[in-house]
Amino acid sequence: MQSILEPWPWYVCGPLIALIMFILIYFGKTFGMSSNLRTLCAIGGAGKKVKFFDFDWKEQRWNLTVVLGAIIGGFIAHSYLSTPTNIDLNPETVITLQTMGFENAGKSLLPPELYSWDAVLSLKGLAILIIGGFLVGFGTRYAGGCTSGHAITGLSSLQLPSLIAVIGFFMGGLIMIHLLFPLIFS
């Protein structure tokens, strides 16, 4: 019998995601996290300056609930439903990461070299956040949605632009991890 502290298997999570997608499609809603950024900007009054943010944000309250649920659910899962465990990384990957300065490669999902306050508030950390934030924001707007919106909603409703976007996301991820990541952390 599986413990509640172990990750749920794909055959439980996959159908749950499908069920949620069916419910959203049934009620005429689409799922995506980046649309919440637009909603938050509209709530803050950005619609007075930029036409893109000038819409009735109250129709998107349900989607803000999704974000709140993701935050609360992530906190509960991390704080109460997970046990610290080593990550089963390829030994070559561990060696490569150690040469880049990651001392405890494979020991944590959130390496302190990236996620500690010291790392985030360093010049390199701030540059990564600012440049990365700009690229994610630009890419999300240019692609007409984020990874969750295209990969979950778009693909489940058989939209060709979402398939193209998801292929682009994966290509961008491969370029980042194989070309840019070694340049940034070498």
Protein backbone atom coordinates (compact mmCIF):
# COMPACT_ATOMS: atom_id res chain seq x y z
CA MET A 1 0.00 0.00 0.00
CA GLN A 2 1.27 3.43 -0.96
CA SER A 3 2.03 5.99 1.73
CA ILE A 4 0.51 9.48 1.45
CA LEU A 5 4.06 10.86 1.61
CA GLU A 6 5.07 9.20 -1.66
CA PRO A 7 4.42 10.89 -5.01
CA TRP A 8 1.12 9.91 -6.60
CA PRO A 9 1.56 7.67 -9.64
CA TRP A 10 0.74 8.84 -13.14
CA TYR A 11 -2.33 6.63 -13.37
CA VAL A 12 -3.92 8.61 -10.51
CA CYS A 13 -2.71 12.11 -11.42
CA GLY A 14 -3.32 11.82 -15.17
CA PRO A 15 -7.02 10.95 -14.88
CA LEU A 16 -7.48 13.66 -12.22
CA ILE A 17 -6.04 16.25 -14.61
CA ALA A 18 -8.28 14.88 -17.38
CA LEU A 19 -11.31 15.16 -15.10
CA ILE A 20 -10.49 18.78 -14.26
CA MET A 21 -10.01 19.56 -17.97
CA PHE A 22 -13.36 17.96 -18.79
CA ILE A 23 -15.07 20.09 -16.13
CA LEU A 24 -13.37 23.28 -17.40
CA ILE A 25 -14.27 22.56 -21.03
CA TYR A 26 -17.84 21.71 -20.01
CA PHE A 27 -18.19 25.11 -18.32
CA GLY A 28 -16.45 26.92 -21.20
CA LYS A 29 -13.30 27.80 -19.25
CA THR A 30 -9.65 27.45 -20.19
CA PHE A 31 -6.80 26.75 -17.82
CA GLY A 32 -3.53 28.64 -17.75
CA MET A 33 -1.48 30.37 -15.11
CA SER A 34 -0.17 33.28 -17.19
CA SER A 35 -3.67 34.68 -17.71
CA ASN A 36 -3.69 35.38 -13.98
CA LEU A 37 -0.85 37.86 -14.41
CA ARG A 38 -3.05 39.79 -16.84
CA THR A 39 -5.92 39.62 -14.35
CA LEU A 40 -3.72 40.88 -11.50
CA CYS A 41 -2.52 43.79 -13.66
CA ALA A 42 -6.14 44.62 -14.51
CA ILE A 43 -7.06 44.56 -10.81
CA GLY A 44 -4.16 46.94 -10.15
CA GLY A 45 -5.51 49.43 -12.70
CA ALA A 46 -3.16 48.80 -15.63
CA GLY A 47 -6.17 48.95 -17.96
CA LYS A 48 -6.16 52.74 -17.56
CA LYS A 49 -2.78 52.87 -19.30
CA VAL A 50 -2.69 49.80 -21.57
CA LYS A 51 -5.65 48.53 -23.59
CA PHE A 52 -4.55 44.87 -23.21
CA PHE A 53 -5.35 45.05 -19.49
CA ASP A 54 -8.68 46.82 -19.98
CA PHE A 55 -11.21 44.01 -19.48
CA ASP A 56 -13.69 42.82 -16.87
CA TRP A 57 -11.31 40.98 -14.55
CA LYS A 58 -14.19 39.82 -12.36
CA GLU A 59 -14.97 37.15 -14.95
CA GLN A 60 -11.55 35.64 -14.16
CA ARG A 61 -12.00 35.33 -10.38
CA TRP A 62 -12.33 31.56 -10.71
CA ASN A 63 -8.87 31.39 -12.28
CA LEU A 64 -7.37 33.38 -9.41
CA THR A 65 -8.75 30.63 -7.17
CA VAL A 66 -6.65 28.16 -9.17
CA VAL A 67 -3.50 30.17 -8.36
CA LEU A 68 -4.42 30.39 -4.70
CA GLY A 69 -5.06 26.64 -4.66
CA ALA A 70 -1.70 25.97 -6.33
CA ILE A 71 0.10 28.08 -3.73
CA ILE A 72 -1.72 26.52 -0.77
CA GLY A 73 -1.46 23.02 -2.23
CA GLY A 74 2.26 23.44 -2.88
CA PHE A 75 2.83 24.64 0.66
CA ILE A 76 0.86 21.73 2.17
CA ALA A 77 2.58 19.19 -0.08
CA HIS A 78 6.05 20.53 0.73
CA SER A 79 5.50 21.10 4.42
CA TYR A 80 3.36 18.12 5.41
CA LEU A 81 3.23 15.49 2.67
CA SER A 82 6.81 15.12 1.51
CA THR A 83 9.88 13.52 2.96
CA PRO A 84 13.40 14.66 2.11
CA THR A 85 14.88 12.28 -0.38
CA ASN A 86 17.84 12.11 -2.66
CA ILE A 87 17.18 12.57 -6.34
CA ASP A 88 18.28 9.68 -8.53
CA LEU A 89 20.46 11.64 -10.95
CA ASN A 90 22.80 10.13 -13.48
CA PRO A 91 26.30 10.08 -11.92
CA GLU A 92 27.66 12.01 -14.93
CA THR A 93 25.06 14.73 -14.30
CA VAL A 94 26.12 14.94 -10.64
CA ILE A 95 29.77 15.33 -11.66
CA THR A 96 28.89 17.99 -14.25
CA LEU A 97 26.82 19.94 -11.71
CA GLN A 98 29.59 19.68 -9.11
CA THR A 99 32.08 21.16 -11.59
CA MET A 100 29.65 24.08 -12.00
CA GLY A 101 29.65 24.69 -8.24
CA PHE A 102 26.60 22.71 -7.11
CA GLU A 103 27.97 21.07 -3.98
CA ASN A 104 24.97 18.89 -3.10
CA ALA A 105 23.83 17.88 -6.58
CA GLY A 106 21.10 15.28 -6.30
CA LYS A 107 20.42 15.95 -2.62
CA SER A 108 17.67 18.56 -3.01
CA LEU A 109 15.02 19.60 -5.52
CA LEU A 110 15.88 23.23 -4.77
CA PRO A 111 19.66 23.62 -4.71
CA PRO A 112 20.76 26.50 -2.47
CA GLU A 113 23.14 27.68 -5.21
CA LEU A 114 20.01 28.79 -7.08
CA TYR A 115 17.24 29.19 -4.50
CA SER A 116 18.79 30.62 -1.34
CA TRP A 117 18.31 34.33 -0.59
CA ASP A 118 22.06 34.86 -0.97
CA ALA A 119 21.94 33.45 -4.51
CA VAL A 120 18.78 35.32 -5.48
CA LEU A 121 20.00 38.68 -4.15
CA SER A 122 23.42 38.42 -5.81
CA LEU A 123 24.14 40.37 -9.01
CA LYS A 124 23.98 37.16 -11.06
CA GLY A 125 20.76 36.06 -9.33
CA LEU A 126 19.05 39.41 -9.90
CA ALA A 127 20.17 39.44 -13.55
CA ILE A 128 18.78 35.93 -14.05
CA LEU A 129 15.46 36.92 -12.45
CA ILE A 130 15.10 40.12 -14.45
CA ILE A 131 16.19 38.71 -17.82
CA GLY A 132 14.37 35.42 -17.26
CA GLY A 133 11.22 37.22 -16.12
CA PHE A 134 11.27 39.42 -19.21
CA LEU A 135 11.79 36.45 -21.52
CA VAL A 136 9.04 34.41 -19.85
CA GLY A 137 6.64 37.37 -19.94
CA PHE A 138 7.45 38.17 -23.57
CA GLY A 139 7.31 34.51 -24.59
CA THR A 140 4.03 33.92 -22.81
CA ARG A 141 2.43 36.92 -24.50
CA TYR A 142 3.94 36.09 -27.91
CA ALA A 143 2.87 32.42 -27.69
CA GLY A 144 -0.61 33.35 -26.49
CA GLY A 145 -0.27 31.45 -23.24
CA CYS A 146 2.04 29.60 -20.90
CA THR A 147 3.24 26.02 -20.71
CA SER A 148 0.36 24.89 -18.53
CA GLY A 149 -2.24 26.58 -20.71
CA HIS A 150 -0.91 25.21 -23.98
CA ALA A 151 0.21 21.78 -22.73
CA ILE A 152 -2.89 21.02 -20.67
CA THR A 153 -5.77 23.02 -22.13
CA GLY A 154 -4.53 23.48 -25.69
CA LEU A 155 -3.41 19.91 -26.29
CA SER A 156 -6.49 18.42 -24.63
CA SER A 157 -8.69 20.44 -26.97
CA LEU A 158 -6.52 19.43 -29.98
CA GLN A 159 -5.31 22.92 -30.91
CA LEU A 160 -2.46 22.93 -33.45
CA PRO A 161 -1.01 26.25 -32.18
CA SER A 162 -0.68 24.68 -28.73
CA LEU A 163 1.18 21.69 -30.17
CA ILE A 164 3.57 24.07 -31.93
CA ALA A 165 3.99 26.12 -28.73
CA VAL A 166 4.68 23.01 -26.61
CA ILE A 167 7.30 21.81 -29.11
CA GLY A 168 8.84 25.30 -28.89
CA PHE A 169 8.82 25.17 -25.08
CA PHE A 170 10.66 21.86 -25.10
CA MET A 171 13.19 23.08 -27.66
CA GLY A 172 13.77 26.21 -25.55
CA GLY A 173 14.26 24.06 -22.46
CA LEU A 174 16.80 21.89 -24.25
CA ILE A 175 18.69 24.94 -25.51
CA MET A 176 18.66 26.45 -22.02
CA ILE A 177 19.93 23.38 -20.18
CA HIS A 178 22.49 22.25 -22.76
CA LEU A 179 23.83 25.60 -24.03
CA LEU A 180 22.98 28.51 -21.75
CA PHE A 181 23.02 26.86 -18.30
CA PRO A 182 26.69 25.77 -18.66
CA LEU A 183 27.62 29.30 -19.78
CA ILE A 184 25.86 30.92 -16.84
CA PHE A 185 27.21 28.55 -14.16
CA SER A 186 30.67 27.68 -15.48
